[in-house]
Amino acid sequence: MLLKAGDVFSNREISRIFNVCTRRGIRYSGSLRTGINHVVLTTFLNKTPEESIENPYNDRFEGERLLYTGEGRIGDQQMTRGNLALKMQMEKRFPIFVFEKKAPGKYMFLGQYNVVSVEIEKQYDVHGKLRNVFIFKLEKVSDRVLLQPGNLKVLPKL
């Protein structure tokens, strides 16, 4: 199966294809202790003010880079779980596959990315309190991925 930027999938399809959970914005296959196989990120761009109350993450593009807000909805974010997996990717370089939420249960594939840096930014949490969040800066590696049983092959960027 060839996965191309612009292809749309259901949440269940993403979970089945990549062997990750159906919840969370940062979903990884493998473990932090024994090694991450790959990460699936879901982002919700261009939110309405009402949607921003429930989903306080300020993900956005700056030029070609995706600025992805780490996980944790209340208080300062911690470098654990999904946030730690993204930080580890800067050294280990396992694949990160990014999907943008387009409608309830529908996600569009944006491509494969690498984390190039992580910074701390001030953002509001779900209770309206200012807090520290991690901003992971990601650059696109490829628009296409060839999915084969037990193997994810990255194709050159178009």
N, C-alpha and C. Protein backbone atom coordinates (compact mmCIF):
# COMPACT_ATOMS: atom_id res chain seq x y z
N MET A 1 0.85 -1.18 0.00
CA MET A 1 0.00 0.00 0.00
C MET A 1 0.89 1.24 0.00
N LEU A 2 0.62 2.15 -0.90
CA LEU A 2 1.36 3.40 -0.98
C LEU A 2 0.55 4.49 -0.28
N LEU A 3 1.15 5.09 0.73
CA LEU A 3 0.53 6.17 1.49
C LEU A 3 1.08 7.48 0.94
N LYS A 4 0.18 8.37 0.50
CA LYS A 4 0.60 9.64 -0.10
C LYS A 4 0.00 10.81 0.68
N ALA A 5 0.75 11.92 0.74
CA ALA A 5 0.21 13.14 1.36
C ALA A 5 -1.11 13.47 0.69
N GLY A 6 -2.12 13.75 1.51
CA GLY A 6 -3.46 14.04 1.01
C GLY A 6 -4.43 12.89 1.18
N ASP A 7 -3.91 11.66 1.36
CA ASP A 7 -4.78 10.50 1.60
C ASP A 7 -5.49 10.67 2.94
N VAL A 8 -6.77 10.28 2.99
CA VAL A 8 -7.57 10.44 4.21
C VAL A 8 -7.90 9.06 4.78
N PHE A 9 -7.78 8.95 6.12
CA PHE A 9 -8.01 7.70 6.83
C PHE A 9 -8.88 7.95 8.05
N SER A 10 -9.56 6.90 8.48
CA SER A 10 -10.27 6.96 9.75
C SER A 10 -9.27 6.72 10.87
N ASN A 11 -9.66 7.06 12.07
CA ASN A 11 -8.82 6.83 13.24
C ASN A 11 -8.51 5.34 13.39
N ARG A 12 -9.51 4.49 13.19
CA ARG A 12 -9.31 3.03 13.30
C ARG A 12 -8.34 2.51 12.25
N GLU A 13 -8.42 3.04 11.04
CA GLU A 13 -7.49 2.62 9.99
C GLU A 13 -6.05 2.98 10.36
N ILE A 14 -5.84 4.18 10.89
CA ILE A 14 -4.50 4.59 11.32
C ILE A 14 -3.99 3.65 12.40
N SER A 15 -4.85 3.35 13.37
CA SER A 15 -4.47 2.44 14.46
C SER A 15 -4.08 1.07 13.93
N ARG A 16 -4.86 0.55 13.00
CA ARG A 16 -4.60 -0.79 12.45
C ARG A 16 -3.33 -0.79 11.58
N ILE A 17 -3.19 0.18 10.70
CA ILE A 17 -2.05 0.24 9.78
C ILE A 17 -0.73 0.39 10.53
N PHE A 18 -0.71 1.25 11.54
CA PHE A 18 0.54 1.57 12.23
C PHE A 18 0.71 0.87 13.57
N ASN A 19 -0.28 0.06 13.97
CA ASN A 19 -0.20 -0.66 15.24
C ASN A 19 0.02 0.30 16.42
N VAL A 20 -0.85 1.31 16.49
CA VAL A 20 -0.81 2.28 17.60
C VAL A 20 -2.22 2.40 18.18
N CYS A 21 -2.32 3.03 19.35
CA CYS A 21 -3.62 3.22 20.00
C CYS A 21 -4.49 4.18 19.18
N THR A 22 -5.76 4.26 19.53
CA THR A 22 -6.68 5.15 18.81
C THR A 22 -6.83 6.51 19.47
N ARG A 23 -6.25 6.68 20.65
CA ARG A 23 -6.35 7.95 21.37
C ARG A 23 -4.97 8.56 21.51
N ARG A 24 -4.92 9.82 21.83
CA ARG A 24 -3.70 10.60 22.04
C ARG A 24 -3.24 11.23 20.73
N GLY A 25 -2.57 12.34 20.87
CA GLY A 25 -2.00 13.01 19.70
C GLY A 25 -0.66 12.45 19.32
N ILE A 26 0.09 11.95 20.32
CA ILE A 26 1.39 11.32 20.08
C ILE A 26 1.23 9.84 20.38
N ARG A 27 1.25 9.02 19.34
CA ARG A 27 1.04 7.57 19.48
C ARG A 27 2.29 6.87 18.98
N TYR A 28 2.84 5.99 19.78
CA TYR A 28 4.05 5.31 19.31
C TYR A 28 3.93 3.80 19.39
N SER A 29 4.65 3.15 18.48
CA SER A 29 4.74 1.70 18.44
C SER A 29 6.09 1.33 19.02
N GLY A 30 6.10 0.40 19.96
CA GLY A 30 7.32 0.06 20.68
C GLY A 30 7.24 0.62 22.08
N SER A 31 8.39 0.73 22.75
CA SER A 31 8.39 1.27 24.11
C SER A 31 9.58 2.19 24.32
N LEU A 32 9.43 3.09 25.28
CA LEU A 32 10.51 4.02 25.59
C LEU A 32 11.75 3.29 26.10
N ARG A 33 11.55 2.16 26.79
CA ARG A 33 12.69 1.41 27.35
C ARG A 33 13.39 0.55 26.32
N THR A 34 12.61 -0.17 25.51
CA THR A 34 13.22 -1.13 24.59
C THR A 34 13.39 -0.58 23.18
N GLY A 35 12.80 0.55 22.89
CA GLY A 35 12.96 1.17 21.58
C GLY A 35 11.64 1.47 20.89
N ILE A 36 11.60 2.61 20.27
CA ILE A 36 10.43 3.05 19.52
C ILE A 36 10.59 2.58 18.07
N ASN A 37 9.53 2.01 17.50
CA ASN A 37 9.55 1.61 16.09
C ASN A 37 9.21 2.80 15.19
N HIS A 38 8.14 3.50 15.54
CA HIS A 38 7.70 4.68 14.81
C HIS A 38 6.67 5.43 15.65
N VAL A 39 6.40 6.68 15.25
CA VAL A 39 5.44 7.53 15.95
C VAL A 39 4.41 8.02 14.93
N VAL A 40 3.15 8.09 15.38
CA VAL A 40 2.09 8.71 14.60
C VAL A 40 1.65 9.96 15.38
N LEU A 41 1.71 11.11 14.72
CA LEU A 41 1.23 12.36 15.32
C LEU A 41 -0.07 12.76 14.64
N THR A 42 -1.03 13.20 15.45
CA THR A 42 -2.23 13.81 14.89
C THR A 42 -2.28 15.26 15.34
N THR A 43 -2.61 16.13 14.42
CA THR A 43 -2.66 17.56 14.72
C THR A 43 -4.01 18.11 14.26
N PHE A 44 -4.43 19.17 14.92
CA PHE A 44 -5.70 19.83 14.59
C PHE A 44 -5.36 21.29 14.33
N LEU A 45 -5.22 21.66 13.07
CA LEU A 45 -4.86 23.02 12.67
C LEU A 45 -6.12 23.82 12.38
N ASN A 46 -6.01 25.14 12.39
CA ASN A 46 -7.12 26.03 12.00
C ASN A 46 -8.39 25.78 12.82
N LYS A 47 -8.23 25.76 14.13
CA LYS A 47 -9.37 25.53 15.02
C LYS A 47 -10.17 26.80 15.24
N THR A 48 -11.44 26.62 15.56
CA THR A 48 -12.28 27.74 15.98
C THR A 48 -11.95 28.04 17.44
N PRO A 49 -12.30 29.23 17.95
CA PRO A 49 -12.07 29.53 19.37
C PRO A 49 -12.72 28.50 20.30
N GLU A 50 -13.91 28.01 19.93
CA GLU A 50 -14.59 27.02 20.76
C GLU A 50 -13.80 25.70 20.79
N GLU A 51 -13.28 25.29 19.65
CA GLU A 51 -12.49 24.06 19.59
C GLU A 51 -11.19 24.20 20.37
N SER A 52 -10.65 25.41 20.45
CA SER A 52 -9.40 25.64 21.16
C SER A 52 -9.55 25.49 22.67
N ILE A 53 -10.76 25.65 23.19
CA ILE A 53 -10.98 25.47 24.63
C ILE A 53 -10.80 24.00 24.99
N GLU A 54 -11.38 23.11 24.19
CA GLU A 54 -11.28 21.68 24.46
C GLU A 54 -9.91 21.12 24.07
N ASN A 55 -9.32 21.68 23.01
CA ASN A 55 -8.03 21.23 22.51
C ASN A 55 -7.08 22.43 22.52
N PRO A 56 -6.35 22.64 23.64
CA PRO A 56 -5.59 23.87 23.80
C PRO A 56 -4.25 23.91 23.08
N TYR A 57 -3.96 22.93 22.25
CA TYR A 57 -2.65 22.87 21.59
C TYR A 57 -2.60 23.80 20.39
N ASN A 58 -1.58 24.65 20.36
CA ASN A 58 -1.45 25.64 19.28
C ASN A 58 -0.47 25.13 18.22
N ASP A 59 -0.82 24.03 17.55
CA ASP A 59 0.01 23.51 16.46
C ASP A 59 -0.15 24.43 15.26
N ARG A 60 0.95 24.57 14.49
CA ARG A 60 0.90 25.49 13.35
C ARG A 60 2.10 25.24 12.43
N PHE A 61 1.99 25.76 11.24
CA PHE A 61 3.12 25.74 10.32
C PHE A 61 3.78 27.10 10.32
N GLU A 62 5.12 27.11 10.32
CA GLU A 62 5.92 28.31 10.06
C GLU A 62 6.75 27.97 8.84
N GLY A 63 6.34 28.46 7.69
CA GLY A 63 6.98 28.06 6.45
C GLY A 63 6.72 26.58 6.23
N GLU A 64 7.77 25.82 6.01
CA GLU A 64 7.66 24.38 5.78
C GLU A 64 7.69 23.57 7.07
N ARG A 65 8.04 24.20 8.18
CA ARG A 65 8.16 23.49 9.46
C ARG A 65 6.83 23.41 10.19
N LEU A 66 6.55 22.22 10.73
CA LEU A 66 5.40 22.03 11.59
C LEU A 66 5.85 22.26 13.03
N LEU A 67 5.19 23.17 13.73
CA LEU A 67 5.44 23.39 15.15
C LEU A 67 4.34 22.64 15.90
N TYR A 68 4.75 21.57 16.57
CA TYR A 68 3.81 20.64 17.20
C TYR A 68 3.92 20.79 18.71
N THR A 69 2.79 21.06 19.36
CA THR A 69 2.76 21.22 20.82
C THR A 69 2.75 19.85 21.48
N GLY A 70 3.61 19.68 22.48
CA GLY A 70 3.70 18.41 23.21
C GLY A 70 2.41 18.06 23.92
N GLU A 71 2.40 16.86 24.55
CA GLU A 71 1.19 16.39 25.22
C GLU A 71 1.15 16.83 26.67
N GLY A 72 -0.07 16.97 27.18
CA GLY A 72 -0.31 17.45 28.53
C GLY A 72 -1.23 18.65 28.46
N ARG A 73 -2.46 18.51 28.95
CA ARG A 73 -3.47 19.56 28.79
C ARG A 73 -3.58 20.50 29.98
N ILE A 74 -3.03 20.09 31.15
CA ILE A 74 -3.17 20.89 32.37
C ILE A 74 -1.79 21.10 32.97
N GLY A 75 -1.49 22.36 33.31
CA GLY A 75 -0.22 22.67 33.95
C GLY A 75 0.96 22.54 32.99
N ASP A 76 2.17 22.73 33.56
CA ASP A 76 3.38 22.62 32.75
C ASP A 76 3.52 21.21 32.20
N GLN A 77 3.93 21.10 30.95
CA GLN A 77 4.16 19.78 30.37
C GLN A 77 5.45 19.18 30.90
N GLN A 78 5.49 17.86 30.94
CA GLN A 78 6.65 17.12 31.43
C GLN A 78 7.29 16.34 30.28
N MET A 79 8.59 16.11 30.36
CA MET A 79 9.30 15.35 29.33
C MET A 79 9.17 13.86 29.64
N THR A 80 7.96 13.35 29.43
CA THR A 80 7.65 11.93 29.65
C THR A 80 6.82 11.44 28.47
N ARG A 81 6.61 10.15 28.39
CA ARG A 81 5.73 9.48 27.42
C ARG A 81 5.94 10.00 26.00
N GLY A 82 4.88 10.53 25.37
CA GLY A 82 4.97 10.98 23.99
C GLY A 82 5.97 12.10 23.78
N ASN A 83 6.06 13.02 24.75
CA ASN A 83 7.04 14.11 24.63
C ASN A 83 8.46 13.56 24.60
N LEU A 84 8.73 12.58 25.46
CA LEU A 84 10.05 11.96 25.49
C LEU A 84 10.32 11.20 24.19
N ALA A 85 9.32 10.53 23.66
CA ALA A 85 9.48 9.81 22.39
C ALA A 85 9.89 10.78 21.28
N LEU A 86 9.24 11.95 21.21
CA LEU A 86 9.60 12.92 20.18
C LEU A 86 11.01 13.46 20.38
N LYS A 87 11.39 13.71 21.62
CA LYS A 87 12.75 14.19 21.90
C LYS A 87 13.78 13.13 21.48
N MET A 88 13.49 11.86 21.78
CA MET A 88 14.40 10.77 21.43
C MET A 88 14.57 10.64 19.91
N GLN A 89 13.55 11.04 19.16
CA GLN A 89 13.61 10.90 17.70
C GLN A 89 14.72 11.76 17.09
N MET A 90 15.10 12.83 17.75
CA MET A 90 16.19 13.67 17.22
C MET A 90 17.49 12.88 17.12
N GLU A 91 17.69 11.93 18.03
CA GLU A 91 18.90 11.11 18.02
C GLU A 91 18.68 9.78 17.30
N LYS A 92 17.57 9.12 17.57
CA LYS A 92 17.34 7.75 17.06
C LYS A 92 16.82 7.72 15.62
N ARG A 93 16.13 8.78 15.19
CA ARG A 93 15.62 8.92 13.82
C ARG A 93 14.68 7.82 13.36
N PHE A 94 13.83 7.32 14.25
CA PHE A 94 12.75 6.42 13.83
C PHE A 94 11.69 7.28 13.11
N PRO A 95 10.87 6.68 12.25
CA PRO A 95 9.91 7.47 11.46
C PRO A 95 8.80 8.11 12.30
N ILE A 96 8.42 9.32 11.90
CA ILE A 96 7.26 10.02 12.45
C ILE A 96 6.30 10.28 11.29
N PHE A 97 5.06 9.80 11.43
CA PHE A 97 4.04 9.98 10.40
C PHE A 97 3.00 10.96 10.94
N VAL A 98 2.75 12.04 10.20
CA VAL A 98 1.88 13.12 10.68
C VAL A 98 0.56 13.12 9.91
N PHE A 99 -0.53 13.22 10.68
CA PHE A 99 -1.89 13.28 10.14
C PHE A 99 -2.58 14.52 10.70
N GLU A 100 -3.34 15.21 9.85
CA GLU A 100 -4.11 16.37 10.28
C GLU A 100 -5.58 16.00 10.37
N LYS A 101 -6.19 16.31 11.52
CA LYS A 101 -7.63 16.06 11.69
C LYS A 101 -8.40 17.02 10.80
N LYS A 102 -9.25 16.47 9.92
CA LYS A 102 -10.02 17.27 8.98
C LYS A 102 -11.50 17.34 9.36
N ALA A 103 -11.99 16.30 10.01
CA ALA A 103 -13.39 16.20 10.44
C ALA A 103 -13.41 15.15 11.53
N PRO A 104 -14.51 15.05 12.29
CA PRO A 104 -14.56 14.01 13.33
C PRO A 104 -14.25 12.63 12.74
N GLY A 105 -13.20 12.01 13.25
CA GLY A 105 -12.82 10.66 12.83
C GLY A 105 -12.11 10.58 11.49
N LYS A 106 -11.79 11.71 10.85
CA LYS A 106 -11.13 11.72 9.54
C LYS A 106 -9.80 12.48 9.62
N TYR A 107 -8.74 11.81 9.18
CA TYR A 107 -7.39 12.37 9.26
C TYR A 107 -6.69 12.30 7.91
N MET A 108 -6.06 13.41 7.51
CA MET A 108 -5.33 13.46 6.24
C MET A 108 -3.83 13.30 6.50
N PHE A 109 -3.21 12.41 5.74
CA PHE A 109 -1.77 12.18 5.85
C PHE A 109 -1.03 13.39 5.30
N LEU A 110 -0.10 13.95 6.10
CA LEU A 110 0.71 15.09 5.67
C LEU A 110 2.10 14.66 5.19
N GLY A 111 2.60 13.53 5.70
CA GLY A 111 3.92 13.05 5.30
C GLY A 111 4.70 12.52 6.48
N GLN A 112 5.94 12.13 6.18
CA GLN A 112 6.86 11.70 7.23
C GLN A 112 7.76 12.88 7.60
N TYR A 113 7.99 13.04 8.90
CA TYR A 113 8.74 14.18 9.41
C TYR A 113 9.84 13.71 10.36
N ASN A 114 10.81 14.61 10.60
CA ASN A 114 11.82 14.45 11.64
C ASN A 114 11.75 15.64 12.59
N VAL A 115 12.01 15.40 13.87
CA VAL A 115 12.12 16.49 14.84
C VAL A 115 13.51 17.10 14.68
N VAL A 116 13.56 18.43 14.52
CA VAL A 116 14.85 19.11 14.39
C VAL A 116 15.23 19.89 15.64
N SER A 117 14.23 20.24 16.47
CA SER A 117 14.53 20.92 17.73
C SER A 117 13.30 20.90 18.62
N VAL A 118 13.52 21.21 19.89
CA VAL A 118 12.42 21.33 20.84
C VAL A 118 12.69 22.57 21.69
N GLU A 119 11.65 23.37 21.90
CA GLU A 119 11.75 24.59 22.69
C GLU A 119 10.59 24.64 23.67
N ILE A 120 10.66 25.57 24.60
CA ILE A 120 9.56 25.78 25.55
C ILE A 120 8.87 27.09 25.19
N GLU A 121 7.55 27.05 25.21
CA GLU A 121 6.72 28.21 24.87
C GLU A 121 5.62 28.33 25.93
N LYS A 122 5.12 29.52 26.12
CA LYS A 122 3.98 29.75 27.02
C LYS A 122 2.68 29.60 26.22
N GLN A 123 1.76 28.77 26.75
CA GLN A 123 0.42 28.61 26.17
C GLN A 123 -0.56 28.42 27.31
N TYR A 124 -1.83 28.61 27.01
CA TYR A 124 -2.87 28.41 28.01
C TYR A 124 -3.31 26.95 28.04
N ASP A 125 -3.63 26.47 29.26
CA ASP A 125 -4.15 25.10 29.38
C ASP A 125 -5.68 25.11 29.28
N VAL A 126 -6.30 23.97 29.50
CA VAL A 126 -7.76 23.86 29.37
C VAL A 126 -8.52 24.69 30.40
N HIS A 127 -7.84 25.11 31.47
CA HIS A 127 -8.47 25.94 32.50
C HIS A 127 -8.14 27.42 32.31
N GLY A 128 -7.46 27.76 31.20
CA GLY A 128 -7.12 29.15 30.92
C GLY A 128 -5.91 29.65 31.67
N LYS A 129 -5.12 28.75 32.28
CA LYS A 129 -3.93 29.15 33.02
C LYS A 129 -2.70 29.05 32.12
N LEU A 130 -1.85 30.08 32.19
CA LEU A 130 -0.62 30.10 31.41
C LEU A 130 0.34 29.05 31.93
N ARG A 131 0.99 28.33 31.02
CA ARG A 131 1.89 27.25 31.44
C ARG A 131 2.98 27.07 30.39
N ASN A 132 4.00 26.26 30.73
CA ASN A 132 5.09 25.93 29.81
C ASN A 132 4.72 24.68 29.02
N VAL A 133 4.88 24.76 27.70
CA VAL A 133 4.64 23.61 26.83
C VAL A 133 5.87 23.39 25.95
N PHE A 134 6.04 22.16 25.50
CA PHE A 134 7.10 21.84 24.56
C PHE A 134 6.60 22.10 23.14
N ILE A 135 7.41 22.76 22.35
CA ILE A 135 7.14 22.95 20.93
C ILE A 135 8.21 22.18 20.16
N PHE A 136 7.76 21.14 19.47
CA PHE A 136 8.66 20.32 18.67
C PHE A 136 8.61 20.85 17.24
N LYS A 137 9.77 21.23 16.72
CA LYS A 137 9.85 21.70 15.34
C LYS A 137 10.19 20.51 14.45
N LEU A 138 9.31 20.28 13.47
CA LEU A 138 9.46 19.12 12.58
C LEU A 138 9.62 19.56 11.13
N GLU A 139 10.49 18.84 10.41
CA GLU A 139 10.69 19.07 8.98
C GLU A 139 10.27 17.83 8.21
N LYS A 140 9.65 18.05 7.06
CA LYS A 140 9.18 16.93 6.24
C LYS A 140 10.35 16.20 5.59
N VAL A 141 10.27 14.87 5.65
CA VAL A 141 11.25 13.98 5.02
C VAL A 141 10.71 13.48 3.69
N SER A 142 9.43 13.11 3.67
CA SER A 142 8.84 12.52 2.47
C SER A 142 7.33 12.73 2.45
N ASP A 143 6.78 12.77 1.24
CA ASP A 143 5.33 12.85 1.03
C ASP A 143 4.71 11.47 0.86
N ARG A 144 5.56 10.44 0.72
CA ARG A 144 5.06 9.10 0.38
C ARG A 144 5.76 8.05 1.22
N VAL A 145 5.00 7.03 1.62
CA VAL A 145 5.54 5.91 2.38
C VAL A 145 4.93 4.64 1.80
N LEU A 146 5.77 3.65 1.52
CA LEU A 146 5.30 2.36 1.04
C LEU A 146 5.11 1.45 2.24
N LEU A 147 3.87 1.02 2.47
CA LEU A 147 3.54 0.17 3.61
C LEU A 147 3.52 -1.27 3.15
N GLN A 148 4.37 -2.09 3.77
CA GLN A 148 4.41 -3.52 3.51
C GLN A 148 4.33 -4.22 4.85
N PRO A 149 3.81 -5.44 4.91
CA PRO A 149 3.72 -6.14 6.19
C PRO A 149 5.07 -6.15 6.91
N GLY A 150 5.09 -5.58 8.12
CA GLY A 150 6.30 -5.56 8.93
C GLY A 150 7.35 -4.58 8.45
N ASN A 151 7.03 -3.72 7.48
CA ASN A 151 8.03 -2.82 6.93
C ASN A 151 7.38 -1.53 6.45
N LEU A 152 7.95 -0.40 6.84
CA LEU A 152 7.50 0.89 6.36
C LEU A 152 8.66 1.48 5.56
N LYS A 153 8.53 1.60 4.26
CA LYS A 153 9.61 2.10 3.41
C LYS A 153 9.31 3.53 3.00
N VAL A 154 10.24 4.42 3.32
CA VAL A 154 10.08 5.83 2.98
C VAL A 154 10.56 6.03 1.54
N LEU A 155 9.75 6.71 0.76
CA LEU A 155 10.11 7.01 -0.62
C LEU A 155 10.64 8.44 -0.69
N PRO A 156 11.48 8.74 -1.68
CA PRO A 156 12.05 10.09 -1.77
C PRO A 156 10.97 11.16 -1.85
N LYS A 157 11.29 12.33 -1.32
CA LYS A 157 10.37 13.47 -1.34
C LYS A 157 10.15 13.91 -2.78
N LEU A 158 8.90 14.16 -3.15
CA LEU A 158 8.59 14.62 -4.52
C LEU A 158 8.96 16.07 -4.70
